[in-house]
N, C-alpha and C. Protein backbone atom coordinates (compact mmCIF):
# COMPACT_ATOMS: atom_id res chain seq x y z
N MET A 1 3.60 -19.21 19.31
CA MET A 1 3.61 -17.82 18.67
C MET A 1 3.70 -18.06 17.25
N MET A 2 2.89 -17.20 16.33
CA MET A 2 3.30 -17.30 14.62
C MET A 2 4.06 -16.22 14.49
N GLU A 3 5.09 -16.35 13.53
CA GLU A 3 5.86 -15.52 13.24
C GLU A 3 5.45 -14.60 11.76
N PRO A 4 5.49 -13.44 11.45
CA PRO A 4 5.31 -12.91 10.33
C PRO A 4 5.76 -13.47 9.18
N GLY A 5 4.77 -13.38 8.46
CA GLY A 5 4.98 -14.43 6.91
C GLY A 5 4.60 -15.73 6.74
N ARG A 6 4.07 -16.14 7.96
CA ARG A 6 3.50 -17.40 8.16
C ARG A 6 2.29 -17.60 7.19
N ILE A 7 1.85 -18.52 6.45
CA ILE A 7 0.51 -18.29 5.97
C ILE A 7 -0.10 -19.72 6.51
N CYS A 8 -1.36 -19.15 6.68
CA CYS A 8 -2.44 -19.69 7.68
C CYS A 8 -3.70 -19.93 7.00
N ILE A 9 -4.50 -20.75 7.37
CA ILE A 9 -5.84 -20.80 6.76
C ILE A 9 -7.13 -20.41 8.08
N ILE A 10 -7.89 -19.59 8.25
CA ILE A 10 -8.96 -19.50 9.13
C ILE A 10 -9.78 -20.66 9.25
N SER A 11 -9.78 -21.30 10.50
CA SER A 11 -10.66 -22.55 10.92
C SER A 11 -12.12 -21.88 11.22
N ARG A 12 -12.06 -20.45 11.79
CA ARG A 12 -13.57 -20.33 12.29
C ARG A 12 -13.99 -18.95 11.78
N GLY A 13 -15.41 -18.87 11.71
CA GLY A 13 -15.99 -17.68 11.63
C GLY A 13 -16.62 -17.55 10.01
N SER A 14 -16.77 -16.35 9.52
CA SER A 14 -17.40 -16.22 8.44
C SER A 14 -16.23 -16.27 7.15
N ASP A 15 -15.15 -16.27 7.76
CA ASP A 15 -13.89 -16.37 6.73
C ASP A 15 -13.28 -17.64 6.86
N ALA A 16 -13.94 -18.93 7.38
CA ALA A 16 -13.38 -19.91 7.51
C ALA A 16 -12.93 -20.75 6.13
N GLY A 17 -11.86 -21.10 6.01
CA GLY A 17 -11.51 -21.69 4.95
C GLY A 17 -10.50 -20.85 4.05
N LYS A 18 -10.23 -19.56 4.27
CA LYS A 18 -9.62 -18.60 3.63
C LYS A 18 -8.11 -18.33 4.16
N GLU A 19 -7.31 -18.47 3.21
CA GLU A 19 -5.65 -18.02 3.42
C GLU A 19 -5.25 -16.78 3.84
N VAL A 20 -4.45 -16.71 4.81
CA VAL A 20 -4.10 -15.33 5.10
C VAL A 20 -2.86 -15.54 5.37
N VAL A 21 -2.07 -14.39 5.68
CA VAL A 21 -1.01 -14.23 5.92
C VAL A 21 -0.79 -13.33 7.22
N VAL A 22 0.25 -13.81 8.15
CA VAL A 22 0.29 -13.19 9.29
C VAL A 22 1.26 -11.96 9.30
N ASN A 23 0.74 -11.00 9.55
CA ASN A 23 1.73 -9.64 9.42
C ASN A 23 2.51 -9.40 10.43
N GLU A 24 1.96 -9.52 11.92
CA GLU A 24 2.62 -9.00 12.89
C GLU A 24 1.96 -9.68 14.13
N ALA A 25 2.65 -9.83 15.34
CA ALA A 25 2.07 -10.33 16.40
C ALA A 25 1.75 -9.28 17.09
N SER A 26 0.13 -9.37 17.74
CA SER A 26 -0.04 -8.38 18.53
C SER A 26 -0.36 -8.28 20.05
N ASP A 27 -0.50 -9.65 20.60
CA ASP A 27 -0.03 -9.90 21.75
C ASP A 27 0.07 -11.36 21.82
N ASN A 28 0.34 -11.91 22.54
CA ASN A 28 0.45 -13.59 22.91
C ASN A 28 -0.55 -14.32 22.17
N ASN A 29 -1.94 -13.85 22.08
CA ASN A 29 -3.03 -14.31 21.71
C ASN A 29 -3.82 -14.25 20.27
N PHE A 30 -3.06 -12.96 20.01
CA PHE A 30 -3.51 -12.47 18.88
C PHE A 30 -2.38 -11.97 17.79
N VAL A 31 -2.91 -12.16 16.69
CA VAL A 31 -1.92 -11.65 15.33
C VAL A 31 -2.93 -10.69 14.33
N ILE A 32 -2.08 -9.92 13.85
CA ILE A 32 -2.81 -9.19 12.60
C ILE A 32 -2.60 -9.75 11.31
N VAL A 33 -3.68 -10.14 10.80
CA VAL A 33 -3.44 -10.91 9.24
C VAL A 33 -4.04 -10.24 8.07
N SER A 34 -3.91 -10.60 7.01
CA SER A 34 -4.51 -9.84 5.94
C SER A 34 -4.43 -10.95 4.59
N GLY A 35 -4.98 -10.85 3.71
CA GLY A 35 -5.22 -11.86 2.61
C GLY A 35 -5.79 -11.04 1.04
N GLU A 36 -5.86 -12.13 0.23
CA GLU A 36 -6.65 -11.36 -1.18
C GLU A 36 -8.10 -11.21 -0.74
N LYS A 37 -8.69 -12.36 0.01
CA LYS A 37 -9.91 -12.18 0.18
C LYS A 37 -10.74 -11.77 1.68
N VAL A 38 -9.33 -11.38 2.44
CA VAL A 38 -9.97 -10.97 3.89
C VAL A 38 -9.25 -9.66 4.26
N LYS A 39 -10.04 -8.92 4.92
CA LYS A 39 -9.51 -7.56 5.37
C LYS A 39 -8.40 -7.71 6.15
N GLN A 40 -7.70 -6.77 6.36
CA GLN A 40 -6.64 -6.62 7.26
C GLN A 40 -7.22 -6.61 8.89
N ARG A 41 -6.87 -7.62 9.71
CA ARG A 41 -7.55 -7.11 11.12
C ARG A 41 -6.94 -8.40 11.81
N ARG A 42 -7.51 -7.96 13.10
CA ARG A 42 -6.40 -8.71 14.43
C ARG A 42 -7.39 -10.07 14.58
N ILE A 43 -6.85 -11.11 14.99
CA ILE A 43 -7.55 -12.07 14.87
C ILE A 43 -7.07 -13.18 16.10
N ASN A 44 -7.67 -13.95 16.78
CA ASN A 44 -6.98 -15.24 17.69
C ASN A 44 -6.45 -16.19 17.18
N ILE A 45 -5.26 -16.65 17.77
CA ILE A 45 -4.38 -17.65 17.03
C ILE A 45 -5.13 -18.78 17.02
N LYS A 46 -6.00 -18.95 18.04
CA LYS A 46 -6.67 -20.14 18.20
C LYS A 46 -7.71 -20.77 16.73
N HIS A 47 -8.07 -19.56 16.08
CA HIS A 47 -9.00 -19.58 14.89
C HIS A 47 -7.85 -19.77 13.58
N LEU A 48 -6.86 -20.17 13.82
CA LEU A 48 -6.19 -20.11 12.72
C LEU A 48 -5.23 -21.32 12.72
N GLU A 49 -5.03 -22.20 11.27
CA GLU A 49 -4.43 -23.41 11.14
C GLU A 49 -3.08 -22.80 10.27
N PRO A 50 -1.74 -23.10 11.13
CA PRO A 50 -0.69 -22.91 10.22
C PRO A 50 -0.32 -23.82 9.22
N THR A 51 0.42 -23.20 8.16
CA THR A 51 0.50 -24.02 7.15
C THR A 51 2.37 -24.46 7.16
N PRO A 52 2.84 -25.18 6.52
CA PRO A 52 4.24 -25.27 6.49
C PRO A 52 5.08 -24.31 5.60
N ARG A 53 3.81 -23.66 4.61
CA ARG A 53 4.51 -22.51 3.96
C ARG A 53 4.87 -21.07 4.52
N THR A 54 5.50 -20.38 4.04
CA THR A 54 5.54 -18.91 4.61
C THR A 54 5.80 -17.88 3.27
N GLY A 55 5.37 -16.82 3.44
CA GLY A 55 5.08 -16.11 2.04
C GLY A 55 5.23 -14.59 2.61
N ALA A 56 5.17 -13.87 1.43
CA ALA A 56 5.76 -12.41 1.93
C ALA A 56 4.41 -11.74 2.65
N ILE A 57 4.68 -10.63 3.28
CA ILE A 57 3.48 -10.18 4.16
C ILE A 57 2.92 -9.13 3.27
N ILE A 58 1.32 -9.64 3.39
CA ILE A 58 0.34 -9.00 2.62
C ILE A 58 -0.21 -7.64 3.25
N VAL A 59 -0.23 -6.44 2.77
CA VAL A 59 -0.73 -5.30 3.36
C VAL A 59 -1.46 -4.93 2.15
N PRO A 60 -3.13 -5.12 2.34
CA PRO A 60 -3.89 -4.56 1.32
C PRO A 60 -4.04 -3.02 1.48
N VAL A 61 -4.32 -2.61 0.20
CA VAL A 61 -4.29 -0.93 0.21
C VAL A 61 -5.83 -0.47 0.43
N GLN A 62 -5.96 0.23 1.36
CA GLN A 62 -7.23 0.51 1.78
C GLN A 62 -7.43 1.83 0.91
N SER A 63 -8.49 1.58 -0.03
CA SER A 63 -8.68 3.02 -0.79
C SER A 63 -9.78 4.06 0.15
N GLU A 64 -9.28 4.87 0.22
CA GLU A 64 -10.00 6.07 0.88
C GLU A 64 -10.88 6.74 0.09
N LYS A 65 -12.41 6.63 0.59
CA LYS A 65 -13.16 7.26 -0.12
C LYS A 65 -13.00 8.91 -0.08
N PRO A 66 -13.22 9.68 -0.97
CA PRO A 66 -13.01 11.20 -0.73
C PRO A 66 -13.99 11.77 0.03
N LYS A 67 -13.77 12.44 1.03
CA LYS A 67 -14.85 13.13 1.82
C LYS A 67 -15.30 14.04 1.23
N LYS A 68 -16.83 13.97 1.25
CA LYS A 68 -17.68 14.99 0.77
C LYS A 68 -17.59 16.29 1.60
N ALA A 69 -16.89 17.45 0.59
CA ALA A 69 -17.00 18.83 1.10
C ALA A 69 -18.30 19.34 1.98
N ALA A 70 -17.89 20.14 2.89
CA ALA A 70 -19.08 20.77 3.39
C ALA A 70 -19.80 22.01 2.69
N PRO A 71 -20.90 22.13 2.86
CA PRO A 71 -21.47 22.98 2.07
C PRO A 71 -20.99 24.56 2.44
N LYS A 72 -20.43 25.00 1.36
CA LYS A 72 -20.08 26.47 1.76
C LYS A 72 -21.01 27.30 2.10
N LYS A 73 -20.67 27.92 3.25
CA LYS A 73 -21.99 29.00 3.79
C LYS A 73 -21.64 30.48 3.03
N LYS A 74 -22.61 30.92 2.88
CA LYS A 74 -22.58 32.41 2.14
C LYS A 74 -22.55 33.25 3.45
N ALA A 75 -21.22 33.72 3.33
CA ALA A 75 -21.16 34.84 4.48
C ALA A 75 -21.59 36.21 4.08
N ASP A 76 -22.18 36.80 4.75
CA ASP A 76 -23.25 38.10 4.65
C ASP A 76 -23.98 38.02 3.71
N GLU A 77 -25.07 37.16 3.56
CA GLU A 77 -25.93 36.97 2.57
C GLU A 77 -27.11 38.38 2.84
N LYS A 78 -27.12 38.54 1.77
CA LYS A 78 -28.18 39.63 1.94
C LYS A 78 -29.56 39.44 1.59
N LYS A 79 -30.45 40.24 2.09
CA LYS A 79 -31.83 39.74 1.47
C LYS A 79 -32.29 40.83 1.03
């Protein structure tokens, strides 16, 4: 099981070769990871190659897009 703060390299998938930091253990086979070029997500530990390095936990800031306001209804519209 990987401990939080462990730096790993993703070995499979579209993000293969990118460095990530383990943020927390989800269960026995999965961990939550994040990185500079990788969104925070849950990943199988079989897809990670741990390095001997440890680092700070990276939690990317999710910029929320402002929600579009619903068009105002005209109350008592007279014709």
